[in-house]
Amino acid sequence: MNSNGATSSVSSGPNEASRRNSKRPKYSKFTQQELPACKPLLTPGWVITAFTLIGVVFVPIGVASLLGSRDVVEIVYRYESECIPQSFSDKKLEFIQSSETNKTCTRTLTVPKHMKAPVFVYYQLDNFYQNHRRYVKNRSDKQLRDKKSERTTALCTPEATLNGSPIVPCGLIAWSLFNDTYQFSRNDNGRLLSVNKTNISWKSDRDNKFGKDVYPKNFQSGRLIGGAKLDPNKSLSEQEDLIVWMRTAALPTFRKLYGRIEADLLANEKITVKIENNYNTYSFGGKKKLVLSTTGWLGGKNDFLGIAYLLVGGLCFFMALLFMIVYLAKPRPLGDPSYLSWNRNPSGL
């Protein structure tokens, strides 16, 4: 027994050591990919049922989305050409760059349907590439956030310093701040419609990206003026037009919130708009539009989501019908071996 035991211990010793020193992973169903798995068999019935269910879900969502978008009332007025005097029709760039031309124009808009408060006022720019790489990088987030980083302007050239002193806020994004203004009044009594410009920016931007102790300095004081000026007595966290503008758009056509009219506008009511046409879009062929819009449960007016759901749902219904017709017209047993290539007779034999 002892010798057998000794022999057993001697023979098992190397095996134990080799197992301990082996680099093989410990066996498990997970590492060996032996876990239970769902392996559905796509029979014609399952395929037809799946397409039908997708259509049943998507089509009502599409209809609801489209109806929700259609309930949004929107007024869009393009004015970059309308607000140019006839004498400057061929000299638009000269008109916008001159400090002596009167850039005020007054237009009357008709409210198509009852617009419930709040009515959101947007400005829309077309062909303005805020997503250009050099434009997007031309800013200093540290400077915007912290007064101690006032001189962090390395990325802001050419709008970085003025006579050796830093520009706050620096960079081309801030320098090109939109500066058209709008004033609204009712035609029937001439009463002004006030535009609330508070809380039009993201709260996270006001609290985290723009400092409460950072104030404009040397801004728009150079030889070339790019856009709107800022109040030097207000911190950047309070300058909401700037905050909205500096959240750059991803597409060359975009809207940005200008303010809110907190009063109902009645159907067929005439609204007088006094526009200060200051912003230069003529040098790059851009378009400017004033947009008044209500909102619905899906946000602003946008038919794309509803149309997309309807298209996908309709396509699924069509595919389900097509598969059903094919299945009924030419049925065959599931797993029919006669369809295997090696079971088919060569043609002509």
Protein backbone atom coordinates (compact mmCIF):
# COMPACT_ATOMS: atom_id res chain seq x y z
CA MET A 1 0.00 0.00 0.00
CA ASN A 2 2.73 2.36 0.96
CA SER A 3 4.60 1.64 -2.24
CA ASN A 4 1.39 2.02 -4.23
CA GLY A 5 0.62 5.19 -2.41
CA ALA A 6 4.14 6.43 -2.94
CA THR A 7 3.96 5.53 -6.58
CA SER A 8 0.61 7.29 -6.86
CA SER A 9 1.93 10.44 -5.21
CA VAL A 10 5.04 10.47 -7.35
CA SER A 11 3.13 9.97 -10.57
CA SER A 12 0.47 12.55 -9.72
CA GLY A 13 2.95 15.17 -8.59
CA PRO A 14 4.15 16.31 -12.03
CA ASN A 15 0.58 16.29 -13.37
CA GLU A 16 -0.56 18.59 -10.58
CA ALA A 17 2.38 20.91 -11.18
CA SER A 18 1.79 20.98 -14.92
CA ARG A 19 -1.86 21.82 -14.39
CA ARG A 20 -0.96 24.65 -12.04
CA ASN A 21 1.63 26.03 -14.48
CA SER A 22 -0.58 25.61 -17.54
CA LYS A 23 -1.64 28.81 -19.32
CA ARG A 24 -4.91 27.35 -20.50
CA PRO A 25 -7.95 29.31 -19.30
CA LYS A 26 -10.13 27.66 -16.75
CA TYR A 27 -12.93 25.80 -18.45
CA SER A 28 -16.29 27.49 -18.38
CA LYS A 29 -19.31 27.58 -20.65
CA PHE A 30 -18.76 31.29 -21.16
CA THR A 31 -15.17 30.99 -22.42
CA GLN A 32 -16.08 28.00 -24.57
CA GLN A 33 -19.16 29.79 -25.94
CA GLU A 34 -21.51 27.06 -24.78
CA LEU A 35 -24.07 29.30 -23.11
CA PRO A 36 -27.73 28.90 -24.08
CA ALA A 37 -28.53 31.02 -27.13
CA CYS A 38 -31.62 32.06 -28.99
CA LYS A 39 -31.50 30.63 -32.49
CA PRO A 40 -34.78 31.59 -34.11
CA LEU A 41 -35.80 29.80 -37.25
CA LEU A 42 -37.04 32.42 -39.71
CA THR A 43 -40.02 30.63 -41.15
CA PRO A 44 -42.29 32.52 -43.57
CA GLY A 45 -44.89 32.87 -40.81
CA TRP A 46 -42.41 34.50 -38.43
CA VAL A 47 -41.11 36.89 -41.08
CA ILE A 48 -44.60 37.98 -42.14
CA THR A 49 -45.64 38.43 -38.50
CA ALA A 50 -42.51 40.48 -37.66
CA PHE A 51 -43.01 42.85 -40.60
CA THR A 52 -46.69 43.25 -39.75
CA LEU A 53 -45.96 44.06 -36.09
CA ILE A 54 -43.35 46.65 -37.03
CA GLY A 55 -45.83 48.27 -39.40
CA VAL A 56 -48.60 48.24 -36.75
CA VAL A 57 -46.28 50.02 -34.27
CA PHE A 58 -44.58 52.47 -36.62
CA VAL A 59 -47.54 53.78 -38.62
CA PRO A 60 -49.55 55.11 -35.60
CA ILE A 61 -46.39 56.72 -34.19
CA GLY A 62 -45.77 58.37 -37.57
CA VAL A 63 -49.32 59.66 -37.79
CA ALA A 64 -49.17 61.05 -34.22
CA SER A 65 -45.79 62.70 -34.87
CA LEU A 66 -47.01 64.25 -38.11
CA LEU A 67 -50.19 65.58 -36.51
CA GLY A 68 -48.17 66.97 -33.59
CA SER A 69 -45.87 68.77 -36.01
CA ARG A 70 -48.78 70.12 -38.04
CA ASP A 71 -50.30 71.64 -34.87
CA VAL A 72 -47.24 73.87 -34.48
CA VAL A 73 -47.84 77.35 -35.94
CA GLU A 74 -44.84 78.93 -37.60
CA ILE A 75 -44.15 82.24 -39.36
CA VAL A 76 -40.95 82.45 -41.41
CA TYR A 77 -39.92 85.75 -42.99
CA ARG A 78 -36.76 86.12 -45.07
CA TYR A 79 -35.52 89.68 -44.97
CA GLU A 80 -31.85 90.03 -46.01
CA SER A 81 -32.93 91.22 -49.49
CA GLU A 82 -36.24 92.82 -48.49
CA CYS A 83 -34.49 95.17 -46.05
CA ILE A 84 -32.12 96.65 -48.65
CA PRO A 85 -33.17 100.01 -50.14
CA GLN A 86 -33.74 100.08 -53.87
CA SER A 87 -30.80 102.43 -54.35
CA PHE A 88 -28.47 99.81 -52.86
CA SER A 89 -29.94 96.76 -54.60
CA ASP A 90 -26.67 96.26 -56.54
CA LYS A 91 -24.43 97.44 -53.68
CA LYS A 92 -25.57 95.33 -50.75
CA LEU A 93 -22.11 94.90 -49.26
CA GLU A 94 -21.50 98.63 -49.38
CA PHE A 95 -24.85 99.22 -47.66
CA ILE A 96 -24.22 96.81 -44.78
CA GLN A 97 -20.64 97.99 -44.16
CA SER A 98 -21.46 101.69 -44.15
CA SER A 99 -22.04 103.37 -40.79
CA GLU A 100 -24.13 106.11 -42.43
CA THR A 101 -26.92 104.02 -44.00
CA ASN A 102 -30.22 103.55 -42.21
CA LYS A 103 -30.55 99.84 -41.57
CA THR A 104 -34.04 99.92 -40.04
CA CYS A 105 -36.87 98.34 -41.98
CA THR A 106 -40.46 97.81 -40.91
CA ARG A 107 -42.57 94.93 -42.12
CA THR A 108 -46.05 93.59 -41.34
CA LEU A 109 -46.62 89.90 -40.66
CA THR A 110 -49.98 88.15 -40.61
CA VAL A 111 -50.61 85.47 -37.99
CA PRO A 112 -52.04 82.43 -39.89
CA LYS A 113 -53.54 80.67 -36.84
CA HIS A 114 -53.94 81.33 -33.16
CA MET A 115 -50.48 81.18 -31.56
CA LYS A 116 -50.59 80.39 -27.85
CA ALA A 117 -47.99 81.89 -25.56
CA PRO A 118 -45.09 81.54 -25.32
CA VAL A 119 -44.26 82.35 -28.94
CA PHE A 120 -40.59 81.65 -29.56
CA VAL A 121 -38.60 84.10 -31.66
CA TYR A 122 -35.65 82.67 -33.62
CA TYR A 123 -33.21 84.01 -36.14
CA GLN A 124 -32.20 81.61 -38.91
CA LEU A 125 -29.00 81.78 -40.93
CA ASP A 126 -28.39 79.84 -44.15
CA ASN A 127 -24.99 79.10 -45.67
CA PHE A 128 -23.16 80.01 -42.44
CA TYR A 129 -20.66 77.30 -41.56
CA GLN A 130 -20.30 77.51 -37.78
CA ASN A 131 -18.96 73.95 -37.94
CA HIS A 132 -15.81 74.97 -39.83
CA ARG A 133 -12.83 73.48 -38.01
CA ARG A 134 -10.83 76.70 -37.69
CA TYR A 135 -13.91 78.66 -36.62
CA VAL A 136 -14.95 76.14 -33.95
CA LYS A 137 -11.45 76.06 -32.43
CA ASN A 138 -11.13 79.88 -32.35
CA ARG A 139 -12.15 80.38 -28.72
CA SER A 140 -10.77 80.05 -25.20
CA ASP A 141 -13.01 78.07 -22.86
CA LYS A 142 -10.66 78.73 -19.93
CA GLN A 143 -10.92 82.47 -20.45
CA LEU A 144 -14.72 82.33 -20.63
CA ARG A 145 -14.91 80.36 -17.39
CA ASP A 146 -12.22 81.85 -15.15
CA LYS A 147 -11.10 85.43 -14.61
CA LYS A 148 -7.58 84.21 -13.76
CA SER A 149 -7.25 82.79 -17.28
CA GLU A 150 -7.90 86.14 -18.96
CA ARG A 151 -4.64 85.95 -20.91
CA THR A 152 -5.26 82.44 -22.24
CA THR A 153 -5.77 83.56 -25.83
CA ALA A 154 -3.40 81.29 -27.78
CA LEU A 155 -6.21 79.79 -29.87
CA CYS A 156 -7.99 83.09 -30.56
CA THR A 157 -5.81 84.65 -33.27
CA PRO A 158 -6.51 87.08 -34.92
CA GLU A 159 -9.05 88.28 -32.31
CA ALA A 160 -6.77 87.58 -29.33
CA THR A 161 -5.31 90.86 -28.10
CA LEU A 162 -5.69 94.60 -28.65
CA ASN A 163 -2.60 96.75 -28.11
CA GLY A 164 -1.08 93.95 -26.01
CA SER A 165 -4.14 93.60 -23.77
CA PRO A 166 -6.34 90.46 -24.04
CA ILE A 167 -9.76 90.61 -25.66
CA VAL A 168 -12.51 89.11 -23.50
CA PRO A 169 -14.20 87.09 -24.90
CA CYS A 170 -11.60 86.36 -27.54
CA GLY A 171 -11.87 84.43 -30.80
CA LEU A 172 -13.83 84.56 -34.03
CA ILE A 173 -16.99 82.94 -32.64
CA ALA A 174 -17.58 85.71 -30.12
CA TRP A 175 -16.36 88.38 -32.55
CA SER A 176 -18.98 87.34 -35.15
CA LEU A 177 -21.89 87.56 -32.66
CA PHE A 178 -25.25 88.06 -34.39
CA ASN A 179 -26.41 91.68 -34.04
CA ASP A 180 -29.73 92.06 -35.86
CA THR A 181 -32.54 93.17 -33.54
CA TYR A 182 -36.32 92.81 -33.69
CA GLN A 183 -39.12 94.88 -32.15
CA PHE A 184 -42.74 93.72 -32.31
CA SER A 185 -46.01 95.61 -31.92
CA ARG A 186 -49.69 94.94 -32.56
CA ASN A 187 -51.20 96.73 -35.53
CA ASP A 188 -54.63 97.30 -33.98
CA ASN A 189 -53.46 99.35 -31.00
CA GLY A 190 -49.74 99.89 -31.60
CA ARG A 191 -48.88 98.29 -28.26
CA LEU A 192 -45.41 96.83 -28.07
CA LEU A 193 -44.99 93.11 -27.60
CA SER A 194 -42.12 92.66 -25.17
CA VAL A 195 -39.56 89.96 -25.93
CA ASN A 196 -38.29 88.08 -22.88
CA LYS A 197 -34.59 87.32 -23.41
CA THR A 198 -33.94 85.58 -20.09
CA ASN A 199 -33.38 81.82 -19.78
CA ILE A 200 -32.91 81.42 -23.53
CA SER A 201 -29.58 79.61 -23.08
CA TRP A 202 -28.72 76.27 -21.50
CA LYS A 203 -28.53 76.44 -17.70
CA SER A 204 -25.45 74.20 -17.75
CA ASP A 205 -23.69 76.72 -20.02
CA ARG A 206 -24.54 79.65 -17.73
CA ASP A 207 -23.44 77.81 -14.61
CA ASN A 208 -20.36 75.97 -15.84
CA LYS A 209 -18.97 77.45 -19.05
CA PHE A 210 -19.28 81.21 -18.53
CA GLY A 211 -17.88 82.79 -15.39
CA LYS A 212 -19.85 85.05 -13.10
CA ASP A 213 -16.70 87.10 -12.48
CA VAL A 214 -15.62 87.38 -16.13
CA TYR A 215 -16.53 90.69 -17.80
CA PRO A 216 -16.09 91.85 -21.42
CA LYS A 217 -12.86 93.71 -22.10
CA ASN A 218 -11.61 95.31 -25.34
CA PHE A 219 -14.46 93.55 -27.14
CA GLN A 220 -15.34 94.91 -30.63
CA SER A 221 -12.92 97.79 -30.04
CA GLY A 222 -10.57 97.08 -32.92
CA ARG A 223 -10.51 98.49 -36.42
CA LEU A 224 -12.83 95.83 -37.82
CA ILE A 225 -16.15 95.21 -36.07
CA GLY A 226 -17.57 91.71 -36.50
CA GLY A 227 -20.99 91.77 -34.85
CA ALA A 228 -22.83 92.76 -31.69
CA LYS A 229 -21.25 94.53 -28.74
CA LEU A 230 -21.53 93.33 -25.13
CA ASP A 231 -22.43 95.19 -21.97
CA PRO A 232 -19.12 95.66 -20.08
CA ASN A 233 -21.02 95.86 -16.78
CA LYS A 234 -22.56 92.40 -17.10
CA SER A 235 -20.68 89.17 -16.53
CA LEU A 236 -20.49 86.68 -19.39
CA SER A 237 -22.86 84.32 -17.54
CA GLU A 238 -25.56 87.02 -17.88
CA GLN A 239 -24.96 87.72 -21.59
CA GLU A 240 -27.34 85.09 -22.91
CA ASP A 241 -27.22 86.18 -26.56
CA LEU A 242 -23.51 85.42 -26.49
CA ILE A 243 -24.03 82.07 -24.75
CA VAL A 244 -26.62 80.99 -27.33
CA TRP A 245 -24.37 82.07 -30.21
CA MET A 246 -21.28 80.30 -28.88
CA ARG A 247 -23.02 76.92 -28.82
CA THR A 248 -22.00 76.37 -32.42
CA ALA A 249 -24.35 74.71 -34.90
CA ALA A 250 -23.51 71.45 -36.67
CA LEU A 251 -25.14 72.37 -39.99
CA PRO A 252 -24.81 75.41 -42.28
CA THR A 253 -28.52 76.18 -41.88
CA PHE A 254 -29.48 76.73 -38.27
CA ARG A 255 -31.80 78.59 -35.93
CA LYS A 256 -30.93 80.18 -32.63
CA LEU A 257 -33.33 81.41 -29.97
CA TYR A 258 -33.66 85.20 -29.79
CA GLY A 259 -36.35 85.43 -27.12
CA ARG A 260 -39.97 84.69 -26.20
CA ILE A 261 -43.18 86.68 -26.70
CA GLU A 262 -45.27 85.83 -23.66
CA ALA A 263 -48.63 86.80 -25.11
CA ASP A 264 -51.11 85.06 -27.41
CA LEU A 265 -51.21 86.10 -31.05
CA LEU A 266 -54.67 85.84 -32.59
CA ALA A 267 -55.51 84.36 -35.98
CA ASN A 268 -55.31 86.91 -38.86
CA GLU A 269 -53.83 89.49 -36.51
CA LYS A 270 -51.31 91.91 -38.04
CA ILE A 271 -47.95 92.21 -36.29
CA THR A 272 -45.53 95.01 -37.12
CA VAL A 273 -41.86 94.07 -36.94
CA LYS A 274 -39.12 96.68 -36.77
CA ILE A 275 -35.90 95.02 -37.96
CA GLU A 276 -32.39 96.39 -37.52
CA ASN A 277 -30.61 94.78 -40.46
CA ASN A 278 -27.01 94.98 -39.18
CA TYR A 279 -25.50 91.53 -39.67
CA ASN A 280 -23.34 91.04 -42.75
CA THR A 281 -24.33 87.89 -44.61
CA TYR A 282 -23.90 89.50 -48.03
CA SER A 283 -20.14 88.87 -48.26
CA PHE A 284 -20.68 85.09 -48.28
CA GLY A 285 -24.14 84.80 -49.86
CA GLY A 286 -25.95 83.96 -46.64
CA LYS A 287 -29.66 84.26 -45.94
CA LYS A 288 -31.39 85.68 -42.88
CA LYS A 289 -34.83 84.73 -41.66
CA LEU A 290 -37.02 85.76 -38.75
CA VAL A 291 -39.01 82.87 -37.31
CA LEU A 292 -41.94 83.00 -34.90
CA SER A 293 -43.05 79.59 -33.69
CA THR A 294 -45.08 77.81 -31.07
CA THR A 295 -44.13 74.37 -29.77
CA GLY A 296 -45.90 71.04 -29.46
CA TRP A 297 -45.32 67.83 -27.53
CA LEU A 298 -42.47 66.99 -29.91
CA GLY A 299 -40.93 70.47 -29.88
CA GLY A 300 -40.89 72.71 -32.93
CA LYS A 301 -42.27 72.12 -36.40
CA ASN A 302 -40.51 69.20 -38.05
CA ASP A 303 -42.26 66.71 -40.33
CA PHE A 304 -39.20 64.50 -40.85
CA LEU A 305 -39.76 62.18 -37.86
CA GLY A 306 -43.41 61.49 -38.74
CA ILE A 307 -42.64 60.93 -42.43
CA ALA A 308 -39.75 58.58 -41.54
CA TYR A 309 -41.98 56.46 -39.28
CA LEU A 310 -44.71 56.32 -41.93
CA LEU A 311 -42.25 55.30 -44.64
CA VAL A 312 -40.71 52.52 -42.57
CA GLY A 313 -44.11 51.29 -41.37
CA GLY A 314 -45.56 51.36 -44.89
CA LEU A 315 -42.51 49.54 -46.28
CA CYS A 316 -42.91 46.83 -43.61
CA PHE A 317 -46.59 46.37 -44.50
CA PHE A 318 -45.64 46.11 -48.17
CA MET A 319 -42.93 43.51 -47.45
CA ALA A 320 -45.33 41.49 -45.28
CA LEU A 321 -47.92 41.50 -48.08
CA LEU A 322 -45.28 40.57 -50.67
CA PHE A 323 -43.97 37.64 -48.59
CA MET A 324 -47.54 36.45 -47.97
CA ILE A 325 -48.36 36.47 -51.71
CA VAL A 326 -45.17 34.59 -52.57
CA TYR A 327 -45.75 32.08 -49.78
CA LEU A 328 -49.35 31.42 -50.83
CA ALA A 329 -48.57 31.30 -54.55
CA LYS A 330 -45.52 29.01 -54.35
CA PRO A 331 -45.48 27.20 -51.00
CA ARG A 332 -42.80 24.61 -50.21
CA PRO A 333 -42.01 22.45 -47.18
CA LEU A 334 -39.67 23.91 -44.60
CA GLY A 335 -36.16 22.48 -45.06
CA ASP A 336 -36.94 20.91 -48.42
CA PRO A 337 -33.69 19.07 -49.42
CA SER A 338 -34.55 19.25 -53.09
CA TYR A 339 -33.48 22.89 -53.07
CA LEU A 340 -29.90 21.97 -52.12
CA SER A 341 -27.51 22.56 -54.98
CA TRP A 342 -26.15 19.02 -54.96
CA ASN A 343 -29.67 17.58 -55.19
CA ARG A 344 -30.63 19.59 -58.24
CA ASN A 345 -30.39 17.88 -61.63
CA PRO A 346 -28.18 19.70 -64.11
CA SER A 347 -30.26 21.27 -66.84
CA GLY A 348 -30.55 19.25 -69.98
CA LEU A 349 -29.89 15.83 -68.33
